[in-house]
Amino acid sequence: MNQITPQPGIMDIALYQGGQSHVDGVAEVIKLSSNENPFGPGPKAIEAVLESAATLHRYPSTDHASLRSAIAERHGLDADRIICGVGSDEVLQFVAQAYAGPGDEVIYTEHGFSMYPIIARMVGATPVMVPERDRRVDVDNILAAVTGQTRIVFVTNPGNPTSTMISADELGRLAQGLPTDCLMVLDGAYAEFVDGFDGGAGLVDQFSNVIMTRTFSKVYGLGGMRVGWGYAAKEIIDVLNRVRQPFNLSLTALSAAEAAVRDEEYLRFCQSENARLRVWLSDELAKIGVASDASCTNFILARFENRTEAEACDEYLKTQGLIVRRVAGYNLPNALRITVGDENACRRVVAAITTFKRGVV
C-alpha cells in the first residue's frame, strides 16, 4: 500500500510556539509575552471595525488599493510597489514561495525571528543560521555564509528578541555585498518604535533585490486582525501577487488597518508612552542587577546570571500573574523577553523581579 507523505522539509518544521496567555490557578494575568500594544487598537480603528459589520456579506477588494494608498501616503512610498498580507509573516512566506526551493539556501541570524527557518523548510529550502555578535546582526558573518545556492537573506531590524538594531550604513554594506540574484529581506515589524527610521525603504529604492516588510500587529495594536505589508521593486511585487490569494485579507481587517495608519495622533501617543516606559523599565531592572541592551522595540531582553536563574524568575513572575517570554529557543537561555506594558504593568514587573532577586520568595 502506498503511503501518503508530505513534501521534503515539512516534517522538519518545529511547530511555532506563541506567547503564553494564561497561568493555571491565576485568575487575572498581565500578558507581556507577545509584544502586543498594551493600549490596544486606536479609537478610529475600533470605529472602522464596527462600521464594517454592516457590509460583511460583501467580498473584500482583491487589490487592497485603499489600504495600499493609505500606507503610501503615510510613508511617502509608491502604492504600486506595496503588497498586503495576513500579517507580515504571509508576505515573508510569499517571498520564499516565489524565490526559493529544494537545493536553495536561506540565511537567517542566530537570534532572528523563529519563523525564518520554518518558512525556508516550507518550500524545501535549507535554512542556514549565521552567528550574531553581542546580540546584534553581524554583516561580515552573513556575507561569509553566502554561497552560490543562497537565494534569500532574512534580517530583522530592529531585532526580535534582541531589541537591538544595526545602522543604515551596515544595512547598505550588506545589500551592496550580496549577489544580485539573492534577495535581502528587511523585516521591520518594530520599525515604528525607532525615531526617524524608514525601515529600509531607502534601500529598497536603491537596490532592486531588497524587500522591506512591516506589520500592523505591534504599534498599531491590530495583532488580532493579522495585517502586514511589503515594499519592493515593482517586478518583485508582481511576482508575489501571483502567489497571493485574491481574498487573503478580510474587509474588516482592511478597514481597521486603513483607519489605524491614518490615525497619526494615536500612533504618536503609543510611540511616546513606549519610549518613556521602556527606558524606565530597563533602568529600574539595571539597578537590581538585571541588564538589558538599549531597546529599539516595544520590549526589553532582560539578562540573568544563567539559565537556571532566568527560568526561576519566570516561574515566580507567573505566580504574580505576570507572563513574559523565555527565549532559550532563540539561543538566549539566560534571558527573558518582557513586553513594555502600561505603567502599572511595568511597575508590577519591577516590583516582582526585585522581590525575586532579593531572595525573599
Protein backbone atom coordinates (compact mmCIF):
# COMPACT_ATOMS: atom_id res chain seq x y z
CA MET A 1 0.00 0.00 0.00
CA ASN A 2 1.38 3.40 -0.96
CA GLN A 3 1.97 5.81 1.92
CA ILE A 4 0.96 9.44 1.57
CA THR A 5 3.96 11.54 2.50
CA PRO A 6 4.44 15.31 2.76
CA GLN A 7 6.94 17.26 0.70
CA PRO A 8 10.60 17.16 1.84
CA GLY A 9 11.28 19.58 4.68
CA ILE A 10 7.74 19.74 6.04
CA MET A 11 8.28 17.21 8.83
CA ASP A 12 11.49 19.01 9.84
CA ILE A 13 9.42 22.02 10.91
CA ALA A 14 9.08 22.51 14.65
CA LEU A 15 5.66 23.99 15.37
CA TYR A 16 5.77 27.69 16.23
CA GLN A 17 5.07 28.41 19.90
CA GLY A 18 3.22 31.66 20.56
CA GLY A 19 3.45 33.64 23.76
CA GLN A 20 1.68 32.13 26.76
CA SER A 21 -1.57 33.86 27.66
CA HIS A 22 -2.78 32.20 30.88
CA VAL A 23 -1.44 30.63 34.06
CA ASP A 24 -3.17 27.73 35.79
CA GLY A 25 -4.60 28.82 39.11
CA VAL A 26 -4.14 32.55 38.48
CA ALA A 27 -7.36 34.38 37.63
CA GLU A 28 -6.03 37.73 36.43
CA VAL A 29 -2.81 37.92 34.48
CA ILE A 30 -0.91 40.59 32.58
CA LYS A 31 0.35 39.18 29.30
CA LEU A 32 3.79 40.52 28.42
CA SER A 33 4.90 37.64 26.23
CA SER A 34 3.84 38.63 22.70
CA ASN A 35 4.92 42.29 22.31
CA GLU A 36 1.35 43.47 21.97
CA ASN A 37 0.36 47.13 22.34
CA PRO A 38 -0.89 47.45 25.95
CA PHE A 39 -3.21 50.29 24.93
CA GLY A 40 -4.95 48.20 22.28
CA PRO A 41 -6.16 49.49 18.90
CA GLY A 42 -6.91 53.17 18.46
CA PRO A 43 -10.47 54.52 18.63
CA LYS A 44 -10.61 55.17 14.88
CA ALA A 45 -9.62 51.57 14.13
CA ILE A 46 -12.30 50.30 16.51
CA GLU A 47 -14.88 52.54 14.87
CA ALA A 48 -13.88 51.22 11.43
CA VAL A 49 -14.32 47.64 12.64
CA LEU A 50 -17.81 48.35 13.92
CA GLU A 51 -18.82 50.12 10.72
CA SER A 52 -17.56 47.19 8.62
CA ALA A 53 -20.08 44.84 10.27
CA ALA A 54 -22.91 46.12 8.06
CA THR A 55 -21.10 45.02 4.90
CA LEU A 56 -19.74 41.64 5.94
CA HIS A 57 -21.81 39.96 3.22
CA ARG A 58 -19.58 41.63 0.62
CA TYR A 59 -16.25 40.24 -0.54
CA PRO A 60 -13.23 42.45 0.22
CA SER A 61 -11.23 44.08 -2.54
CA THR A 62 -8.69 41.87 -4.23
CA ASP A 63 -6.11 44.60 -4.83
CA HIS A 64 -6.20 46.29 -1.38
CA ALA A 65 -5.96 49.59 -3.26
CA SER A 66 -7.38 51.79 -0.49
CA LEU A 67 -5.08 50.40 2.20
CA ARG A 68 -2.05 50.49 -0.07
CA SER A 69 -2.80 54.12 -0.89
CA ALA A 70 -3.06 55.00 2.82
CA ILE A 71 0.25 53.25 3.58
CA ALA A 72 1.91 55.01 0.66
CA GLU A 73 0.68 58.41 1.84
CA ARG A 74 1.81 57.79 5.42
CA HIS A 75 5.32 56.67 4.45
CA GLY A 76 5.91 58.53 1.19
CA LEU A 77 6.03 55.36 -0.92
CA ASP A 78 4.76 54.16 -4.28
CA ALA A 79 1.45 52.34 -3.74
CA ASP A 80 2.05 50.16 -6.80
CA ARG A 81 5.10 48.68 -5.06
CA ILE A 82 3.22 47.63 -1.92
CA ILE A 83 1.72 44.21 -1.23
CA CYS A 84 -0.52 43.37 1.73
CA GLY A 85 -0.67 40.07 3.57
CA VAL A 86 -2.09 38.24 6.56
CA GLY A 87 0.48 39.74 8.87
CA SER A 88 4.00 40.36 7.57
CA ASP A 89 4.51 36.60 8.09
CA GLU A 90 2.46 35.89 4.98
CA VAL A 91 4.49 38.34 2.91
CA LEU A 92 7.67 36.59 4.08
CA GLN A 93 6.10 33.31 3.04
CA PHE A 94 5.27 34.73 -0.40
CA VAL A 95 8.94 35.61 -0.84
CA ALA A 96 10.07 32.06 -0.04
CA GLN A 97 7.36 30.52 -2.23
CA ALA A 98 8.36 32.66 -5.17
CA TYR A 99 12.14 32.67 -4.89
CA ALA A 100 13.41 29.58 -3.03
CA GLY A 101 13.03 25.83 -3.23
CA PRO A 102 14.87 22.50 -2.95
CA GLY A 103 18.62 22.94 -3.32
CA ASP A 104 18.50 26.62 -2.31
CA GLU A 105 19.73 28.15 0.93
CA VAL A 106 18.02 30.74 3.12
CA ILE A 107 20.16 32.68 5.60
CA TYR A 108 18.91 33.95 8.94
CA THR A 109 20.79 35.08 12.03
CA GLU A 110 21.38 33.35 15.35
CA HIS A 111 18.76 35.25 17.33
CA GLY A 112 16.47 36.04 14.38
CA PHE A 113 12.70 35.52 14.25
CA SER A 114 11.93 31.80 14.57
CA MET A 115 9.60 31.82 11.55
CA TYR A 116 12.51 32.18 9.12
CA PRO A 117 13.74 28.56 9.23
CA ILE A 118 10.11 27.40 9.24
CA ILE A 119 9.39 29.39 6.09
CA ALA A 120 12.52 28.03 4.42
CA ARG A 121 11.55 24.44 5.16
CA MET A 122 8.00 25.05 3.90
CA VAL A 123 9.39 25.38 0.39
CA GLY A 124 12.04 22.67 0.74
CA ALA A 125 14.95 25.10 1.02
CA THR A 126 17.80 24.71 3.51
CA PRO A 127 17.88 27.24 6.40
CA VAL A 128 21.38 28.44 7.30
CA MET A 129 21.90 30.09 10.70
CA VAL A 130 24.62 32.74 10.96
CA PRO A 131 26.13 33.83 14.32
CA GLU A 132 25.39 37.29 15.69
CA ARG A 133 27.85 39.35 17.73
CA ASP A 134 26.76 40.54 21.19
CA ARG A 135 23.11 40.06 20.23
CA ARG A 136 23.48 42.14 17.07
CA VAL A 137 23.34 41.15 13.42
CA ASP A 138 26.89 40.79 12.06
CA VAL A 139 27.14 41.76 8.39
CA ASP A 140 30.54 40.14 7.90
CA ASN A 141 29.25 36.82 9.21
CA ILE A 142 26.31 36.95 6.82
CA LEU A 143 28.44 37.76 3.80
CA ALA A 144 30.85 34.97 4.70
CA ALA A 145 27.96 32.48 4.75
CA VAL A 146 26.67 33.36 1.28
CA THR A 147 27.18 30.64 -1.33
CA GLY A 148 26.09 30.09 -4.88
CA GLN A 149 22.93 28.47 -3.50
CA THR A 150 21.89 31.41 -1.30
CA ARG A 151 18.62 32.89 -2.52
CA ILE A 152 17.26 34.82 0.49
CA VAL A 153 18.78 36.60 3.49
CA PHE A 154 16.36 37.46 6.31
CA VAL A 155 17.34 40.32 8.63
CA THR A 156 15.13 41.52 11.49
CA ASN A 157 15.88 45.19 12.19
CA PRO A 158 15.22 46.08 14.98
CA GLY A 159 15.79 42.54 16.19
CA ASN A 160 13.39 40.17 17.90
CA PRO A 161 14.01 39.02 20.62
CA THR A 162 17.23 41.03 20.99
CA SER A 163 15.67 44.53 20.71
CA THR A 164 18.92 45.75 19.07
CA MET A 165 19.42 47.10 15.57
CA ILE A 166 22.19 47.76 13.09
CA SER A 167 22.82 51.05 11.31
CA ALA A 168 21.69 52.12 7.88
CA ASP A 169 25.34 52.07 6.78
CA GLU A 170 25.70 48.43 7.82
CA LEU A 171 22.48 47.50 6.05
CA GLY A 172 23.72 49.26 2.96
CA ARG A 173 27.02 47.39 3.16
CA LEU A 174 25.13 44.11 3.36
CA ALA A 175 22.93 44.97 0.38
CA GLN A 176 25.98 46.04 -1.61
CA GLY A 177 27.82 42.82 -0.78
CA LEU A 178 25.07 40.36 -1.72
CA PRO A 179 24.88 38.79 -5.17
CA THR A 180 22.24 40.37 -7.38
CA ASP A 181 20.34 37.06 -7.57
CA CYS A 182 19.99 36.93 -3.76
CA LEU A 183 17.10 38.70 -2.06
CA MET A 184 17.67 40.70 1.13
CA VAL A 185 14.50 40.82 3.23
CA LEU A 186 14.37 43.53 5.90
CA ASP A 187 11.76 42.57 8.49
CA GLY A 188 10.73 45.87 10.08
CA ALA A 189 7.99 44.72 12.44
CA TYR A 190 9.33 47.10 15.10
CA ALA A 191 10.44 49.96 12.83
CA GLU A 192 7.82 52.38 14.19
CA PHE A 193 9.49 52.31 17.60
CA VAL A 194 12.65 53.98 16.23
CA ASP A 195 12.53 57.73 15.62
CA GLY A 196 13.30 58.66 12.04
CA PHE A 197 13.82 55.10 10.83
CA ASP A 198 12.34 54.25 7.43
CA GLY A 199 12.53 50.50 7.99
CA GLY A 200 14.75 50.11 4.94
CA ALA A 201 12.55 51.85 2.37
CA GLY A 202 15.50 53.86 1.11
CA LEU A 203 17.46 50.68 0.46
CA VAL A 204 14.52 49.23 -1.47
CA ASP A 205 14.71 52.25 -3.77
CA GLN A 206 18.48 51.84 -4.11
CA PHE A 207 18.72 48.06 -4.62
CA SER A 208 16.37 46.02 -6.81
CA ASN A 209 16.92 42.88 -4.70
CA VAL A 210 15.87 44.38 -1.32
CA ILE A 211 12.40 43.85 0.18
CA MET A 212 11.02 45.57 3.29
CA THR A 213 8.18 44.14 5.36
CA ARG A 214 6.11 45.85 8.06
CA THR A 215 3.16 44.95 10.28
CA PHE A 216 0.07 46.39 11.95
CA SER A 217 0.37 43.90 14.83
CA LYS A 218 2.71 45.89 17.09
CA VAL A 219 2.47 49.66 17.48
CA TYR A 220 -0.95 49.81 15.79
CA GLY A 221 -2.43 47.23 18.19
CA LEU A 222 -4.01 45.06 15.48
CA GLY A 223 -2.36 41.71 16.18
CA GLY A 224 -5.76 40.01 16.17
CA MET A 225 -6.55 41.38 12.70
CA ARG A 226 -3.40 39.96 11.05
CA VAL A 227 -2.39 42.64 8.57
CA GLY A 228 1.09 43.25 7.22
CA TRP A 229 2.68 44.64 4.09
CA GLY A 230 5.79 44.60 1.98
CA TYR A 231 7.58 47.11 -0.23
CA ALA A 232 9.87 46.17 -3.12
CA ALA A 233 10.63 46.75 -6.78
CA LYS A 234 7.52 46.59 -8.96
CA GLU A 235 8.84 43.44 -10.66
CA ILE A 236 9.09 41.62 -7.33
CA ILE A 237 5.67 42.78 -6.16
CA ASP A 238 4.20 41.49 -9.41
CA VAL A 239 5.72 38.07 -8.72
CA LEU A 240 4.50 37.99 -5.12
CA ASN A 241 0.95 38.90 -6.13
CA ARG A 242 0.88 35.80 -8.32
CA VAL A 243 1.15 33.52 -5.26
CA ARG A 244 -1.13 35.68 -3.08
CA GLN A 245 -4.71 34.51 -2.77
CA PRO A 246 -7.06 37.22 -4.06
CA PHE A 247 -9.14 37.49 -0.86
CA ASN A 248 -6.36 36.95 1.68
CA LEU A 249 -7.43 39.92 3.84
CA SER A 250 -10.95 40.38 5.21
CA LEU A 251 -12.99 43.52 4.69
CA THR A 252 -12.85 44.21 8.42
CA ALA A 253 -9.07 43.80 8.61
CA LEU A 254 -8.57 46.14 5.66
CA SER A 255 -10.87 48.76 7.19
CA ALA A 256 -9.17 48.59 10.59
CA ALA A 257 -5.67 48.84 9.12
CA GLU A 258 -6.52 51.81 6.92
CA ALA A 259 -8.08 53.69 9.84
CA ALA A 260 -5.07 52.86 12.01
CA VAL A 261 -2.45 54.06 9.56
CA ARG A 262 -4.32 57.35 9.11
CA ASP A 263 -4.63 57.94 12.88
CA GLU A 264 -1.26 59.62 13.44
CA GLU A 265 -2.28 61.16 16.77
CA TYR A 266 -2.83 57.73 18.34
CA LEU A 267 0.37 56.43 16.77
CA ARG A 268 2.38 59.24 18.38
CA PHE A 269 0.77 58.54 21.76
CA CYS A 270 1.73 54.86 21.64
CA GLN A 271 5.26 55.64 20.48
CA SER A 272 5.76 58.23 23.20
CA GLU A 273 4.48 56.02 26.03
CA ASN A 274 6.54 53.08 24.85
CA ALA A 275 9.71 55.16 24.62
CA ARG A 276 9.18 56.54 28.12
CA LEU A 277 8.33 53.27 29.80
CA ARG A 278 10.96 51.06 28.13
CA VAL A 279 13.72 53.36 29.40
CA TRP A 280 12.22 53.38 32.90
CA LEU A 281 11.79 49.59 32.92
CA SER A 282 15.33 48.97 31.70
CA ASP A 283 16.86 51.46 34.14
CA GLU A 284 14.97 50.11 37.15
CA LEU A 285 15.92 46.50 36.38
CA ALA A 286 19.56 47.52 35.87
CA LYS A 287 19.58 48.90 39.43
CA ILE A 288 18.92 45.39 40.77
CA GLY A 289 21.45 43.67 38.52
CA VAL A 290 19.28 42.69 35.57
CA ALA A 291 20.94 44.08 32.45
CA SER A 292 19.44 44.71 29.02
CA ASP A 293 20.63 46.31 25.80
CA ALA A 294 19.22 49.70 24.83
CA SER A 295 15.91 48.72 23.28
CA CYS A 296 14.75 49.86 19.84
CA THR A 297 11.45 47.99 20.18
CA ASN A 298 8.44 47.63 22.49
CA PHE A 299 10.16 45.07 24.70
CA ILE A 300 13.40 44.57 26.58
CA LEU A 301 15.60 41.49 26.73
CA ALA A 302 16.34 41.06 30.42
CA ARG A 303 19.54 39.09 31.05
CA PHE A 304 20.12 36.96 34.16
CA GLU A 305 23.17 35.20 35.57
CA ASN A 306 22.33 31.91 33.89
CA ARG A 307 19.51 29.80 32.52
CA THR A 308 18.53 28.48 35.95
CA GLU A 309 18.01 31.98 37.34
CA ALA A 310 16.09 33.13 34.25
CA GLU A 311 13.71 30.18 34.41
CA ALA A 312 13.25 30.51 38.16
CA CYS A 313 12.40 34.18 37.73
CA ASP A 314 9.91 33.31 35.00
CA GLU A 315 8.20 30.81 37.29
CA TYR A 316 7.99 33.38 40.09
CA LEU A 317 6.55 36.01 37.76
CA LYS A 318 3.81 33.60 36.79
CA THR A 319 2.78 33.26 40.43
CA GLN A 320 2.40 37.04 40.44
CA GLY A 321 0.20 36.99 37.34
CA LEU A 322 2.92 38.25 35.02
CA ILE A 323 3.56 36.33 31.80
CA VAL A 324 6.82 37.04 29.98
CA ARG A 325 8.66 35.04 27.30
CA ARG A 326 11.52 32.57 27.68
CA VAL A 327 13.86 32.78 24.72
CA ALA A 328 16.08 29.72 25.04
CA GLY A 329 14.69 28.69 21.65
CA TYR A 330 16.38 31.79 20.24
CA ASN A 331 19.74 30.71 21.71
CA LEU A 332 19.33 33.11 24.65
CA PRO A 333 18.74 30.72 27.58
CA ASN A 334 19.74 33.21 30.29
CA ALA A 335 17.25 35.86 29.19
CA LEU A 336 13.56 36.74 29.36
CA ARG A 337 11.82 38.92 26.80
CA ILE A 338 9.49 41.35 28.55
CA THR A 339 6.95 43.41 26.61
CA VAL A 340 6.77 47.05 27.67
CA GLY A 341 3.27 47.25 29.09
CA ASP A 342 1.44 50.23 30.50
CA GLU A 343 2.81 51.95 33.60
CA ASN A 344 1.02 49.66 36.03
CA ALA A 345 2.38 46.56 34.29
CA CYS A 346 5.92 47.90 34.22
CA ARG A 347 5.82 48.76 37.92
CA ARG A 348 4.50 45.30 38.77
CA VAL A 349 7.29 43.67 36.79
CA VAL A 350 9.97 45.68 38.53
CA ALA A 351 8.47 45.02 41.97
CA ALA A 352 8.22 41.27 41.31
CA ILE A 353 11.74 40.87 39.90
CA THR A 354 13.12 42.97 42.77
CA THR A 355 11.48 40.62 45.25
CA PHE A 356 12.83 37.61 43.35
CA LYS A 357 16.38 38.97 43.20
CA ARG A 358 16.40 39.72 46.90
CA GLY A 359 15.64 36.09 47.54
CA VAL A 360 12.58 36.60 49.68
CA VAL A 361 10.22 34.47 47.57
